[in-house]
PDB file of N, CA and C in Angstrom:
ATOM      1  N   UNK A   1       8.547 -14.195  64.542  1.00  0.00           N
ATOM      2  CA  UNK A   1       9.604 -13.317  64.146  1.00  0.00           C
ATOM      3  C   UNK A   1      10.943 -14.008  64.301  1.00  0.00           C
ATOM      4  N   UNK A   2      11.810 -13.582  63.429  1.00  0.00           N
ATOM      5  CA  UNK A   2      13.134 -14.195  63.427  1.00  0.00           C
ATOM      6  C   UNK A   2      14.095 -13.246  64.101  1.00  0.00           C
ATOM      7  N   UNK A   3      14.840 -13.807  64.980  1.00  0.00           N
ATOM      8  CA  UNK A   3      15.839 -13.018  65.690  1.00  0.00           C
ATOM      9  C   UNK A   3      17.073 -12.873  64.806  1.00  0.00           C
ATOM     10  N   UNK A   4      17.748 -11.718  64.830  1.00  0.00           N
ATOM     11  CA  UNK A   4      18.924 -11.461  64.005  1.00  0.00           C
ATOM     12  C   UNK A   4      20.049 -12.425  64.336  1.00  0.00           C
ATOM     13  N   UNK A   5      20.101 -12.902  65.525  1.00  0.00           N
ATOM     14  CA  UNK A   5      21.177 -13.821  65.901  1.00  0.00           C
ATOM     15  C   UNK A   5      20.969 -15.190  65.269  1.00  0.00           C
ATOM     16  N   UNK A   6      19.727 -15.508  64.833  1.00  0.00           N
ATOM     17  CA  UNK A   6      19.443 -16.801  64.212  1.00  0.00           C
ATOM     18  C   UNK A   6      19.755 -16.823  62.709  1.00  0.00           C
ATOM     19  N   UNK A   7      19.910 -15.673  62.099  1.00  0.00           N
ATOM     20  CA  UNK A   7      20.174 -15.623  60.662  1.00  0.00           C
ATOM     21  C   UNK A   7      21.595 -16.086  60.372  1.00  0.00           C
ATOM     22  N   UNK A   8      21.697 -16.818  59.271  1.00  0.00           N
ATOM     23  CA  UNK A   8      23.020 -17.274  58.847  1.00  0.00           C
ATOM     24  C   UNK A   8      23.584 -16.213  57.926  1.00  0.00           C
ATOM     25  N   UNK A   9      24.734 -15.750  58.253  1.00  0.00           N
ATOM     26  CA  UNK A   9      25.376 -14.718  57.449  1.00  0.00           C
ATOM     27  C   UNK A   9      26.245 -15.371  56.372  1.00  0.00           C
ATOM     28  N   UNK A  10      26.149 -14.843  55.130  1.00  0.00           N
ATOM     29  CA  UNK A  10      26.976 -15.342  54.027  1.00  0.00           C
ATOM     30  C   UNK A  10      28.409 -14.902  54.242  1.00  0.00           C
ATOM     31  N   UNK A  11      29.356 -15.758  53.859  1.00  0.00           N
ATOM     32  CA  UNK A  11      30.749 -15.357  54.046  1.00  0.00           C
ATOM     33  C   UNK A  11      31.092 -14.180  53.139  1.00  0.00           C
ATOM     34  N   UNK A  12      31.957 -13.344  53.588  1.00  0.00           N
ATOM     35  CA  UNK A  12      32.367 -12.175  52.822  1.00  0.00           C
ATOM     36  C   UNK A  12      33.434 -12.595  51.808  1.00  0.00           C
ATOM     37  N   UNK A  13      33.402 -12.033  50.591  1.00  0.00           N
ATOM     38  CA  UNK A  13      34.439 -12.364  49.612  1.00  0.00           C
ATOM     39  C   UNK A  13      35.772 -11.781  50.061  1.00  0.00           C
ATOM     40  N   UNK A  14      36.870 -12.434  49.651  1.00  0.00           N
ATOM     41  CA  UNK A  14      38.169 -11.909  50.047  1.00  0.00           C
ATOM     42  C   UNK A  14      38.444 -10.579  49.345  1.00  0.00           C
ATOM     43  N   UNK A  15      39.214  -9.757  49.949  1.00  0.00           N
ATOM     44  CA  UNK A  15      39.596  -8.476  49.360  1.00  0.00           C
ATOM     45  C   UNK A  15      38.651  -7.377  49.771  1.00  0.00           C
ATOM     46  N   UNK A  16      38.908  -6.211  49.218  1.00  0.00           N
ATOM     47  CA  UNK A  16      38.091  -5.046  49.568  1.00  0.00           C
ATOM     48  C   UNK A  16      36.806  -5.056  48.742  1.00  0.00           C
ATOM     49  N   UNK A  17      35.779  -4.355  49.183  1.00  0.00           N
ATOM     50  CA  UNK A  17      34.529  -4.316  48.431  1.00  0.00           C
ATOM     51  C   UNK A  17      34.706  -3.551  47.109  1.00  0.00           C
ATOM     52  N   UNK A  18      33.683  -3.674  46.254  1.00  0.00           N
ATOM     53  CA  UNK A  18      33.748  -2.994  44.959  1.00  0.00           C
ATOM     54  C   UNK A  18      33.912  -1.501  45.149  1.00  0.00           C
ATOM     55  N   UNK A  19      34.711  -0.927  44.273  1.00  0.00           N
ATOM     56  CA  UNK A  19      34.886   0.518  44.340  1.00  0.00           C
ATOM     57  C   UNK A  19      33.813   1.165  43.473  1.00  0.00           C
ATOM     58  N   UNK A  20      33.351   2.298  43.867  1.00  0.00           N
ATOM     59  CA  UNK A  20      32.204   2.928  43.223  1.00  0.00           C
ATOM     60  C   UNK A  20      32.482   3.317  41.772  1.00  0.00           C
ATOM     61  N   UNK A  21      33.443   4.168  41.512  1.00  0.00           N
ATOM     62  CA  UNK A  21      33.650   4.656  40.157  1.00  0.00           C
ATOM     63  C   UNK A  21      35.081   4.471  39.690  1.00  0.00           C
ATOM     64  N   UNK A  22      35.864   3.727  40.364  1.00  0.00           N
ATOM     65  CA  UNK A  22      37.261   3.527  39.978  1.00  0.00           C
ATOM     66  C   UNK A  22      37.408   2.525  38.849  1.00  0.00           C
ATOM     67  N   UNK A  23      36.520   1.538  38.752  1.00  0.00           N
ATOM     68  CA  UNK A  23      36.544   0.555  37.695  1.00  0.00           C
ATOM     69  C   UNK A  23      37.498  -0.589  37.936  1.00  0.00           C
ATOM     70  N   UNK A  24      38.206  -0.629  39.063  1.00  0.00           N
ATOM     71  CA  UNK A  24      39.190  -1.679  39.291  1.00  0.00           C
ATOM     72  C   UNK A  24      38.542  -2.957  39.784  1.00  0.00           C
ATOM     73  N   UNK A  25      37.466  -2.898  40.526  1.00  0.00           N
ATOM     74  CA  UNK A  25      36.821  -4.095  41.025  1.00  0.00           C
ATOM     75  C   UNK A  25      37.446  -4.570  42.312  1.00  0.00           C
ATOM     76  N   UNK A  26      37.101  -5.807  42.677  1.00  0.00           N
ATOM     77  CA  UNK A  26      37.568  -6.321  43.961  1.00  0.00           C
ATOM     78  C   UNK A  26      38.898  -7.040  43.853  1.00  0.00           C
ATOM     79  N   UNK A  27      39.187  -7.685  42.755  1.00  0.00           N
ATOM     80  CA  UNK A  27      40.405  -8.474  42.638  1.00  0.00           C
ATOM     81  C   UNK A  27      41.260  -7.869  41.528  1.00  0.00           C
ATOM     82  N   UNK A  28      42.013  -6.853  41.851  1.00  0.00           N
ATOM     83  CA  UNK A  28      42.765  -6.101  40.853  1.00  0.00           C
ATOM     84  C   UNK A  28      43.696  -6.984  40.038  1.00  0.00           C
ATOM     85  N   UNK A  29      44.442  -7.856  40.660  1.00  0.00           N
ATOM     86  CA  UNK A  29      45.387  -8.710  39.947  1.00  0.00           C
ATOM     87  C   UNK A  29      44.689  -9.668  38.998  1.00  0.00           C
ATOM     88  N   UNK A  30      43.567 -10.226  39.415  1.00  0.00           N
ATOM     89  CA  UNK A  30      42.840 -11.181  38.589  1.00  0.00           C
ATOM     90  C   UNK A  30      42.245 -10.483  37.362  1.00  0.00           C
ATOM     91  N   UNK A  31      41.685  -9.308  37.549  1.00  0.00           N
ATOM     92  CA  UNK A  31      41.071  -8.596  36.438  1.00  0.00           C
ATOM     93  C   UNK A  31      42.131  -8.190  35.432  1.00  0.00           C
ATOM     94  N   UNK A  32      43.264  -7.731  35.895  1.00  0.00           N
ATOM     95  CA  UNK A  32      44.330  -7.338  34.976  1.00  0.00           C
ATOM     96  C   UNK A  32      44.794  -8.528  34.147  1.00  0.00           C
ATOM     97  N   UNK A  33      44.913  -9.686  34.759  1.00  0.00           N
ATOM     98  CA  UNK A  33      45.344 -10.881  34.029  1.00  0.00           C
ATOM     99  C   UNK A  33      44.287 -11.295  33.013  1.00  0.00           C
ATOM    100  N   UNK A  34      43.031 -11.209  33.397  1.00  0.00           N
ATOM    101  CA  UNK A  34      41.952 -11.590  32.473  1.00  0.00           C
ATOM    102  C   UNK A  34      41.876 -10.616  31.301  1.00  0.00           C
ATOM    103  N   UNK A  35      42.006  -9.332  31.574  1.00  0.00           N
ATOM    104  CA  UNK A  35      41.978  -8.330  30.508  1.00  0.00           C
ATOM    105  C   UNK A  35      43.176  -8.529  29.581  1.00  0.00           C
ATOM    106  N   UNK A  36      44.338  -8.805  30.155  1.00  0.00           N
ATOM    107  CA  UNK A  36      45.526  -9.045  29.330  1.00  0.00           C
ATOM    108  C   UNK A  36      45.317 -10.270  28.442  1.00  0.00           C
ATOM    109  N   UNK A  37      44.691 -11.300  28.997  1.00  0.00           N
ATOM    110  CA  UNK A  37      44.411 -12.501  28.206  1.00  0.00           C
ATOM    111  C   UNK A  37      43.434 -12.184  27.069  1.00  0.00           C
ATOM    112  N   UNK A  38      42.393 -11.411  27.378  1.00  0.00           N
ATOM    113  CA  UNK A  38      41.429 -11.024  26.345  1.00  0.00           C
ATOM    114  C   UNK A  38      42.084 -10.163  25.269  1.00  0.00           C
ATOM    115  N   UNK A  39      42.955  -9.242  25.674  1.00  0.00           N
ATOM    116  CA  UNK A  39      43.650  -8.404  24.698  1.00  0.00           C
ATOM    117  C   UNK A  39      44.532  -9.259  23.781  1.00  0.00           C
ATOM    118  N   UNK A  40      45.195 -10.252  24.352  1.00  0.00           N
ATOM    119  CA  UNK A  40      46.027 -11.139  23.544  1.00  0.00           C
ATOM    120  C   UNK A  40      45.166 -11.939  22.567  1.00  0.00           C
ATOM    121  N   UNK A  41      44.007 -12.388  23.046  1.00  0.00           N
ATOM    122  CA  UNK A  41      43.099 -13.125  22.164  1.00  0.00           C
ATOM    123  C   UNK A  41      42.593 -12.246  21.025  1.00  0.00           C
ATOM    124  N   UNK A  42      42.244 -11.007  21.331  1.00  0.00           N
ATOM    125  CA  UNK A  42      41.771 -10.080  20.297  1.00  0.00           C
ATOM    126  C   UNK A  42      42.880  -9.805  19.292  1.00  0.00           C
ATOM    127  N   UNK A  43      44.101  -9.655  19.770  1.00  0.00           N
ATOM    128  CA  UNK A  43      45.238  -9.435  18.867  1.00  0.00           C
ATOM    129  C   UNK A  43      45.398 -10.634  17.934  1.00  0.00           C
ATOM    130  N   UNK A  44      45.292 -11.831  18.487  1.00  0.00           N
ATOM    131  CA  UNK A  44      45.396 -13.051  17.693  1.00  0.00           C
ATOM    132  C   UNK A  44      44.266 -13.117  16.662  1.00  0.00           C
ATOM    133  N   UNK A  45      43.059 -12.760  17.065  1.00  0.00           N
ATOM    134  CA  UNK A  45      41.916 -12.767  16.146  1.00  0.00           C
ATOM    135  C   UNK A  45      42.152 -11.764  15.020  1.00  0.00           C
ATOM    136  N   UNK A  46      42.647 -10.579  15.347  1.00  0.00           N
ATOM    137  CA  UNK A  46      42.928  -9.572  14.314  1.00  0.00           C
ATOM    138  C   UNK A  46      43.966 -10.087  13.316  1.00  0.00           C
ATOM    139  N   UNK A  47      45.007 -10.727  13.817  1.00  0.00           N
ATOM    140  CA  UNK A  47      46.038 -11.268  12.919  1.00  0.00           C
ATOM    141  C   UNK A  47      45.440 -12.336  12.004  1.00  0.00           C
ATOM    142  N   UNK A  48      44.620 -13.210  12.576  1.00  0.00           N
ATOM    143  CA  UNK A  48      43.986 -14.268  11.770  1.00  0.00           C
ATOM    144  C   UNK A  48      43.054 -13.687  10.717  1.00  0.00           C
ATOM    145  N   UNK A  49      42.281 -12.671  11.080  1.00  0.00           N
ATOM    146  CA  UNK A  49      41.378 -12.036  10.122  1.00  0.00           C
ATOM    147  C   UNK A  49      42.198 -11.356   9.022  1.00  0.00           C
ATOM    148  N   UNK A  50      43.312 -10.736   9.380  1.00  0.00           N
ATOM    149  CA  UNK A  50      44.185 -10.135   8.378  1.00  0.00           C
ATOM    150  C   UNK A  50      44.728 -11.170   7.411  1.00  0.00           C
ATOM    151  N   UNK A  51      45.143 -12.318   7.943  1.00  0.00           N
ATOM    152  CA  UNK A  51      45.631 -13.405   7.088  1.00  0.00           C
ATOM    153  C   UNK A  51      44.518 -13.912   6.177  1.00  0.00           C
ATOM    154  N   UNK A  52      43.304 -13.988   6.704  1.00  0.00           N
ATOM    155  CA  UNK A  52      42.175 -14.458   5.900  1.00  0.00           C
ATOM    156  C   UNK A  52      41.861 -13.468   4.780  1.00  0.00           C
ATOM    157  N   UNK A  53      41.975 -12.164   5.058  1.00  0.00           N
ATOM    158  CA  UNK A  53      41.739 -11.160   4.019  1.00  0.00           C
ATOM    159  C   UNK A  53      42.749 -11.318   2.887  1.00  0.00           C
ATOM    160  N   UNK A  54      44.009 -11.521   3.249  1.00  0.00           N
ATOM    161  CA  UNK A  54      45.052 -11.701   2.233  1.00  0.00           C
ATOM    162  C   UNK A  54      44.765 -12.954   1.412  1.00  0.00           C
ATOM    163  N   UNK A  55      44.402 -14.036   2.082  1.00  0.00           N
ATOM    164  CA  UNK A  55      44.113 -15.285   1.377  1.00  0.00           C
ATOM    165  C   UNK A  55      42.913 -15.117   0.443  1.00  0.00           C
ATOM    166  N   UNK A  56      41.902 -14.380   0.867  1.00  0.00           N
ATOM    167  CA  UNK A  56      40.734 -14.151   0.012  1.00  0.00           C
ATOM    168  C   UNK A  56      41.085 -13.310  -1.207  1.00  0.00           C
ATOM    169  N   UNK A  57      41.946 -12.306  -1.021  1.00  0.00           N
ATOM    170  CA  UNK A  57      42.377 -11.504  -2.170  1.00  0.00           C
ATOM    171  C   UNK A  57      43.118 -12.368  -3.179  1.00  0.00           C
ATOM    172  N   UNK A  58      44.018 -13.218  -2.685  1.00  0.00           N
ATOM    173  CA  UNK A  58      44.775 -14.096  -3.580  1.00  0.00           C
ATOM    174  C   UNK A  58      43.849 -15.094  -4.273  1.00  0.00           C
ATOM    175  N   UNK A  59      42.871 -15.599  -3.547  1.00  0.00           N
ATOM    176  CA  UNK A  59      41.915 -16.533  -4.154  1.00  0.00           C
ATOM    177  C   UNK A  59      41.098 -15.819  -5.228  1.00  0.00           C
ATOM    178  N   UNK A  60      40.754 -14.564  -4.993  1.00  0.00           N
ATOM    179  CA  UNK A  60      40.026 -13.789  -5.990  1.00  0.00           C
ATOM    180  C   UNK A  60      40.847 -13.610  -7.256  1.00  0.00           C
ATOM    181  N   UNK A  61      42.156 -13.338  -7.092  1.00  0.00           N
ATOM    182  CA  UNK A  61      43.036 -13.210  -8.263  1.00  0.00           C
ATOM    183  C   UNK A  61      43.125 -14.538  -9.002  1.00  0.00           C
ATOM    184  N   UNK A  62      43.243 -15.626  -8.250  1.00  0.00           N
ATOM    185  CA  UNK A  62      43.314 -16.940  -8.878  1.00  0.00           C
ATOM    186  C   UNK A  62      42.027 -17.249  -9.635  1.00  0.00           C
ATOM    187  N   UNK A  63      40.891 -16.885  -9.074  1.00  0.00           N
ATOM    188  CA  UNK A  63      39.616 -17.114  -9.748  1.00  0.00           C
ATOM    189  C   UNK A  63      39.509 -16.282 -11.020  1.00  0.00           C
ATOM    190  N   UNK A  64      40.013 -15.049 -10.974  1.00  0.00           N
ATOM    191  CA  UNK A  64      40.002 -14.214 -12.168  1.00  0.00           C
ATOM    192  C   UNK A  64      40.867 -14.838 -13.255  1.00  0.00           C
ATOM    193  N   UNK A  65      42.055 -15.310 -12.878  1.00  0.00           N
ATOM    194  CA  UNK A  65      42.935 -15.974 -13.845  1.00  0.00           C
ATOM    195  C   UNK A  65      42.267 -17.223 -14.411  1.00  0.00           C
ATOM    196  N   UNK A  66      41.584 -17.953 -13.562  1.00  0.00           N
ATOM    197  CA  UNK A  66      40.897 -19.167 -13.999  1.00  0.00           C
ATOM    198  C   UNK A  66      39.773 -18.838 -14.986  1.00  0.00           C
ATOM    199  N   UNK A  67      39.026 -17.763 -14.721  1.00  0.00           N
ATOM    200  CA  UNK A  67      37.959 -17.358 -15.631  1.00  0.00           C
ATOM    201  C   UNK A  67      38.524 -16.957 -16.993  1.00  0.00           C
ATOM    202  N   UNK A  68      39.637 -16.232 -16.996  1.00  0.00           N
ATOM    203  CA  UNK A  68      40.255 -15.826 -18.259  1.00  0.00           C
ATOM    204  C   UNK A  68      40.737 -17.059 -19.020  1.00  0.00           C
ATOM    205  N   UNK A  69      41.368 -17.992 -18.319  1.00  0.00           N
ATOM    206  CA  UNK A  69      41.841 -19.215 -18.969  1.00  0.00           C
ATOM    207  C   UNK A  69      40.681 -20.023 -19.536  1.00  0.00           C
ATOM    208  N   UNK A  70      39.600 -20.103 -18.787  1.00  0.00           N
ATOM    209  CA  UNK A  70      38.432 -20.853 -19.249  1.00  0.00           C
ATOM    210  C   UNK A  70      37.824 -20.184 -20.478  1.00  0.00           C
ATOM    211  N   UNK A  71      37.754 -18.863 -20.498  1.00  0.00           N
ATOM    212  CA  UNK A  71      37.210 -18.155 -21.660  1.00  0.00           C
ATOM    213  C   UNK A  71      38.103 -18.351 -22.880  1.00  0.00           C
ATOM    214  N   UNK A  72      39.431 -18.308 -22.674  1.00  0.00           N
ATOM    215  CA  UNK A  72      40.363 -18.524 -23.777  1.00  0.00           C
ATOM    216  C   UNK A  72      40.214 -19.930 -24.335  1.00  0.00           C
ATOM    217  N   UNK A  73      40.121 -20.901 -23.464  1.00  0.00           N
ATOM    218  CA  UNK A  73      39.967 -22.288 -23.899  1.00  0.00           C
ATOM    219  C   UNK A  73      38.653 -22.483 -24.650  1.00  0.00           C
ATOM    220  N   UNK A  74      37.579 -21.895 -24.161  1.00  0.00           N
ATOM    221  CA  UNK A  74      36.288 -22.001 -24.829  1.00  0.00           C
ATOM    222  C   UNK A  74      36.356 -21.389 -26.231  1.00  0.00           C
ATOM    223  N   UNK A  75      37.027 -20.261 -26.349  1.00  0.00           N
ATOM    224  CA  UNK A  75      37.158 -19.614 -27.653  1.00  0.00           C
ATOM    225  C   UNK A  75      37.970 -20.474 -28.613  1.00  0.00           C
ATOM    226  N   UNK A  76      39.047 -21.052 -28.137  1.00  0.00           N
ATOM    227  CA  UNK A  76      39.871 -21.909 -29.000  1.00  0.00           C
ATOM    228  C   UNK A  76      39.112 -23.157 -29.433  1.00  0.00           C
ATOM    229  N   UNK A  77      38.362 -23.735 -28.534  1.00  0.00           N
ATOM    230  CA  UNK A  77      37.608 -24.950 -28.854  1.00  0.00           C
ATOM    231  C   UNK A  77      36.536 -24.644 -29.900  1.00  0.00           C
ATOM    232  N   UNK A  78      35.966 -23.452 -29.834  1.00  0.00           N
ATOM    233  CA  UNK A  78      34.910 -23.112 -30.792  1.00  0.00           C
ATOM    234  C   UNK A  78      35.443 -23.044 -32.221  1.00  0.00           C
ATOM    235  N   UNK A  79      36.749 -22.851 -32.391  1.00  0.00           N
ATOM    236  CA  UNK A  79      37.340 -22.780 -33.730  1.00  0.00           C
ATOM    237  C   UNK A  79      37.868 -24.129 -34.225  1.00  0.00           C
ATOM    238  N   UNK A  80      37.794 -25.159 -33.420  1.00  0.00           N
ATOM    239  CA  UNK A  80      38.240 -26.481 -33.864  1.00  0.00           C
ATOM    240  C   UNK A  80      37.226 -27.069 -34.839  1.00  0.00           C
ATOM    241  N   UNK A  81      37.704 -27.910 -35.767  1.00  0.00           N
ATOM    242  CA  UNK A  81      36.761 -28.521 -36.708  1.00  0.00           C
ATOM    243  C   UNK A  81      35.864 -29.535 -36.000  1.00  0.00           C
ATOM    244  N   UNK A  82      34.662 -29.662 -36.521  1.00  0.00           N
ATOM    245  CA  UNK A  82      33.715 -30.607 -35.943  1.00  0.00           C
ATOM    246  C   UNK A  82      33.934 -31.991 -36.546  1.00  0.00           C
ATOM    247  N   UNK A  83      33.257 -32.981 -36.003  1.00  0.00           N
ATOM    248  CA  UNK A  83      33.360 -34.347 -36.524  1.00  0.00           C
ATOM    249  C   UNK A  83      32.843 -34.427 -37.954  1.00  0.00           C
ATOM    250  N   UNK A  84      31.749 -33.751 -38.222  1.00  0.00           N
ATOM    251  CA  UNK A  84      31.194 -33.812 -39.579  1.00  0.00           C
ATOM    252  C   UNK A  84      32.130 -33.150 -40.583  1.00  0.00           C
ATOM    253  N   UNK A  85      32.779 -32.071 -40.195  1.00  0.00           N
ATOM    254  CA  UNK A  85      33.742 -31.397 -41.078  1.00  0.00           C
ATOM    255  C   UNK A  85      34.893 -32.338 -41.410  1.00  0.00           C
ATOM    256  N   UNK A  86      35.434 -32.988 -40.390  1.00  0.00           N
ATOM    257  CA  UNK A  86      36.535 -33.935 -40.604  1.00  0.00           C
ATOM    258  C   UNK A  86      36.051 -35.116 -41.443  1.00  0.00           C
ATOM    259  N   UNK A  87      34.842 -35.603 -41.182  1.00  0.00           N
ATOM    260  CA  UNK A  87      34.278 -36.717 -41.947  1.00  0.00           C
ATOM    261  C   UNK A  87      34.123 -36.372 -43.416  1.00  0.00           C
ATOM    262  N   UNK A  88      33.644 -35.162 -43.718  1.00  0.00           N
ATOM    263  CA  UNK A  88      33.500 -34.750 -45.119  1.00  0.00           C
ATOM    264  C   UNK A  88      34.852 -34.690 -45.816  1.00  0.00           C
ATOM    265  N   UNK A  89      35.879 -34.198 -45.143  1.00  0.00           N
ATOM    266  CA  UNK A  89      37.204 -34.120 -45.762  1.00  0.00           C
ATOM    267  C   UNK A  89      37.787 -35.516 -46.007  1.00  0.00           C
ATOM    268  N   UNK A  90      37.600 -36.406 -45.059  1.00  0.00           N
ATOM    269  CA  UNK A  90      38.105 -37.774 -45.253  1.00  0.00           C
ATOM    270  C   UNK A  90      37.350 -38.451 -46.395  1.00  0.00           C
ATOM    271  N   UNK A  91      36.029 -38.311 -46.411  1.00  0.00           N
ATOM    272  CA  UNK A  91      35.230 -38.909 -47.493  1.00  0.00           C
ATOM    273  C   UNK A  91      35.612 -38.309 -48.843  1.00  0.00           C
ATOM    274  N   UNK A  92      35.788 -37.018 -48.889  1.00  0.00           N
ATOM    275  CA  UNK A  92      36.179 -36.362 -50.136  1.00  0.00           C
ATOM    276  C   UNK A  92      37.549 -36.806 -50.606  1.00  0.00           C
ATOM    277  N   UNK A  93      38.473 -36.930 -49.652  1.00  0.00           N
ATOM    278  CA  UNK A  93      39.823 -37.381 -49.999  1.00  0.00           C
ATOM    279  C   UNK A  93      39.823 -38.806 -50.531  1.00  0.00           C
ATOM    280  N   UNK A  94      39.066 -39.668 -49.893  1.00  0.00           N
ATOM    281  CA  UNK A  94      38.981 -41.057 -50.365  1.00  0.00           C
ATOM    282  C   UNK A  94      38.321 -41.123 -51.744  1.00  0.00           C
ATOM    283  N   UNK A  95      37.309 -40.301 -51.974  1.00  0.00           N
ATOM    284  CA  UNK A  95      36.631 -40.275 -53.278  1.00  0.00           C
ATOM    285  C   UNK A  95      37.590 -39.826 -54.372  1.00  0.00           C
ATOM    286  N   UNK A  96      38.352 -38.790 -54.105  1.00  0.00           N
ATOM    287  CA  UNK A  96      39.332 -38.304 -55.080  1.00  0.00           C
ATOM    288  C   UNK A  96      40.384 -39.371 -55.341  1.00  0.00           C
ATOM    289  N   UNK A  97      40.858 -40.056 -54.304  1.00  0.00           N
ATOM    290  CA  UNK A  97      41.888 -41.091 -54.484  1.00  0.00           C
ATOM    291  C   UNK A  97      41.357 -42.249 -55.320  1.00  0.00           C
ATOM    292  N   UNK A  98      40.143 -42.699 -55.027  1.00  0.00           N
ATOM    293  CA  UNK A  98      39.553 -43.805 -55.795  1.00  0.00           C
ATOM    294  C   UNK A  98      39.345 -43.375 -57.246  1.00  0.00           C
ATOM    295  N   UNK A  99      38.859 -42.155 -57.459  1.00  0.00           N
ATOM    296  CA  UNK A  99      38.641 -41.662 -58.825  1.00  0.00           C
ATOM    297  C   UNK A  99      39.962 -41.580 -59.582  1.00  0.00           C
ATOM    298  N   UNK A 100      41.013 -41.102 -58.922  1.00  0.00           N
ATOM    299  CA  UNK A 100      42.320 -40.990 -59.579  1.00  0.00           C
ATOM    300  C   UNK A 100      42.866 -42.368 -59.926  1.00  0.00           C
ATOM    301  N   UNK A 101      42.752 -43.320 -59.042  1.00  0.00           N
ATOM    302  CA  UNK A 101      43.238 -44.668 -59.325  1.00  0.00           C
ATOM    303  C   UNK A 101      42.432 -45.320 -60.456  1.00  0.00           C
ATOM    304  N   UNK A 102      41.147 -45.053 -60.485  1.00  0.00           N
ATOM    305  CA  UNK A 102      40.303 -45.600 -61.551  1.00  0.00           C
ATOM    306  C   UNK A 102      40.712 -45.014 -62.907  1.00  0.00           C
ATOM    307  N   UNK A 103      40.930 -43.727 -62.977  1.00  0.00           N
ATOM    308  CA  UNK A 103      41.349 -43.081 -64.219  1.00  0.00           C
ATOM    309  C   UNK A 103      42.713 -43.603 -64.654  1.00  0.00           C
ATOM    310  N   UNK A 104      43.626 -43.745 -63.725  1.00  0.00           N
ATOM    311  CA  UNK A 104      44.961 -44.234 -64.072  1.00  0.00           C
ATOM    312  C   UNK A 104      44.902 -45.681 -64.578  1.00  0.00           C
ATOM    313  N   UNK A 105      44.040 -46.493 -63.997  1.00  0.00           N
ATOM    314  CA  UNK A 105      43.944 -47.874 -64.462  1.00  0.00           C
ATOM    315  C   UNK A 105      43.293 -47.943 -65.844  1.00  0.00           C
ATOM    316  N   UNK A 106      42.331 -47.069 -66.136  1.00  0.00           N
ATOM    317  CA  UNK A 106      41.677 -47.042 -67.449  1.00  0.00           C
ATOM    318  C   UNK A 106      42.638 -46.570 -68.545  1.00  0.00           C
ATOM    319  N   UNK A 107      43.561 -45.716 -68.168  1.00  0.00           N
ATOM    320  CA  UNK A 107      44.538 -45.241 -69.135  1.00  0.00           C
ATOM    321  C   UNK A 107      45.672 -46.246 -69.346  1.00  0.00           C
ATOM    322  N   UNK A 108      45.705 -47.241 -68.536  1.00  0.00           N
ATOM    323  CA  UNK A 108      46.733 -48.264 -68.677  1.00  0.00           C
ATOM    324  C   UNK A 108      48.005 -47.965 -67.915  1.00  0.00           C
ATOM    325  N   UNK A 109      47.961 -46.994 -67.119  1.00  0.00           N
ATOM    326  CA  UNK A 109      49.159 -46.656 -66.356  1.00  0.00           C
ATOM    327  C   UNK A 109      49.299 -47.541 -65.122  1.00  0.00           C
ATOM    328  N   UNK A 110      48.250 -48.154 -64.730  1.00  0.00           N
ATOM    329  CA  UNK A 110      48.305 -49.083 -63.596  1.00  0.00           C
ATOM    330  C   UNK A 110      48.028 -50.472 -64.181  1.00  0.00           C
ATOM    331  N   UNK A 111      49.080 -51.265 -64.325  1.00  0.00           N
ATOM    332  CA  UNK A 111      48.936 -52.582 -64.922  1.00  0.00           C
ATOM    333  C   UNK A 111      49.419 -53.588 -63.897  1.00  0.00           C
ATOM    334  N   UNK A 112      48.599 -54.570 -63.662  1.00  0.00           N
ATOM    335  CA  UNK A 112      49.017 -55.635 -62.748  1.00  0.00           C
ATOM    336  C   UNK A 112      49.964 -56.544 -63.493  1.00  0.00           C
ATOM    337  N   UNK A 113      51.118 -56.737 -62.953  1.00  0.00           N
ATOM    338  CA  UNK A 113      52.117 -57.601 -63.603  1.00  0.00           C
ATOM    339  C   UNK A 113      52.641 -58.588 -62.589  1.00  0.00           C
ATOM    340  N   UNK A 114      53.039 -59.723 -63.093  1.00  0.00           N
ATOM    341  CA  UNK A 114      53.618 -60.724 -62.204  1.00  0.00           C
ATOM    342  C   UNK A 114      55.123 -60.589 -62.246  1.00  0.00           C
ATOM    343  N   UNK A 115      55.744 -60.743 -61.125  1.00  0.00           N
ATOM    344  CA  UNK A 115      57.211 -60.639 -61.114  1.00  0.00           C
ATOM    345  C   UNK A 115      57.842 -61.808 -61.852  1.00  0.00           C
ATOM    346  N   UNK A 116      58.971 -61.567 -62.487  1.00  0.00           N
ATOM    347  CA  UNK A 116      59.639 -62.626 -63.268  1.00  0.00           C
ATOM    348  C   UNK A 116      60.649 -63.376 -62.492  1.00  0.00           C
TER     349      UNK A 116
END
């Protein structure tokens, strides 16, 4: 058996013991400072979340504007002439020019002359 005088007693914490239903605890000043720090942190978090909400709304508006611009650009591009369309017009224009020059030369209106 162990004698009570042989037991090592744990040191007592400073301050008064815990209060039953008061909620203050043993170190009133320390708890108040910690709670104040937590409240400040929560306030900071709320402000940051508010800023993030505003930034997300603005980004959403920017994305909407970007989608409208992209749709407008796609629509305009769809009305541009294609390479084959441009090629046919150039070929047709060259054919008409060659035909006109040939007719003019056959009629004698285009005569090669040497300068005097």
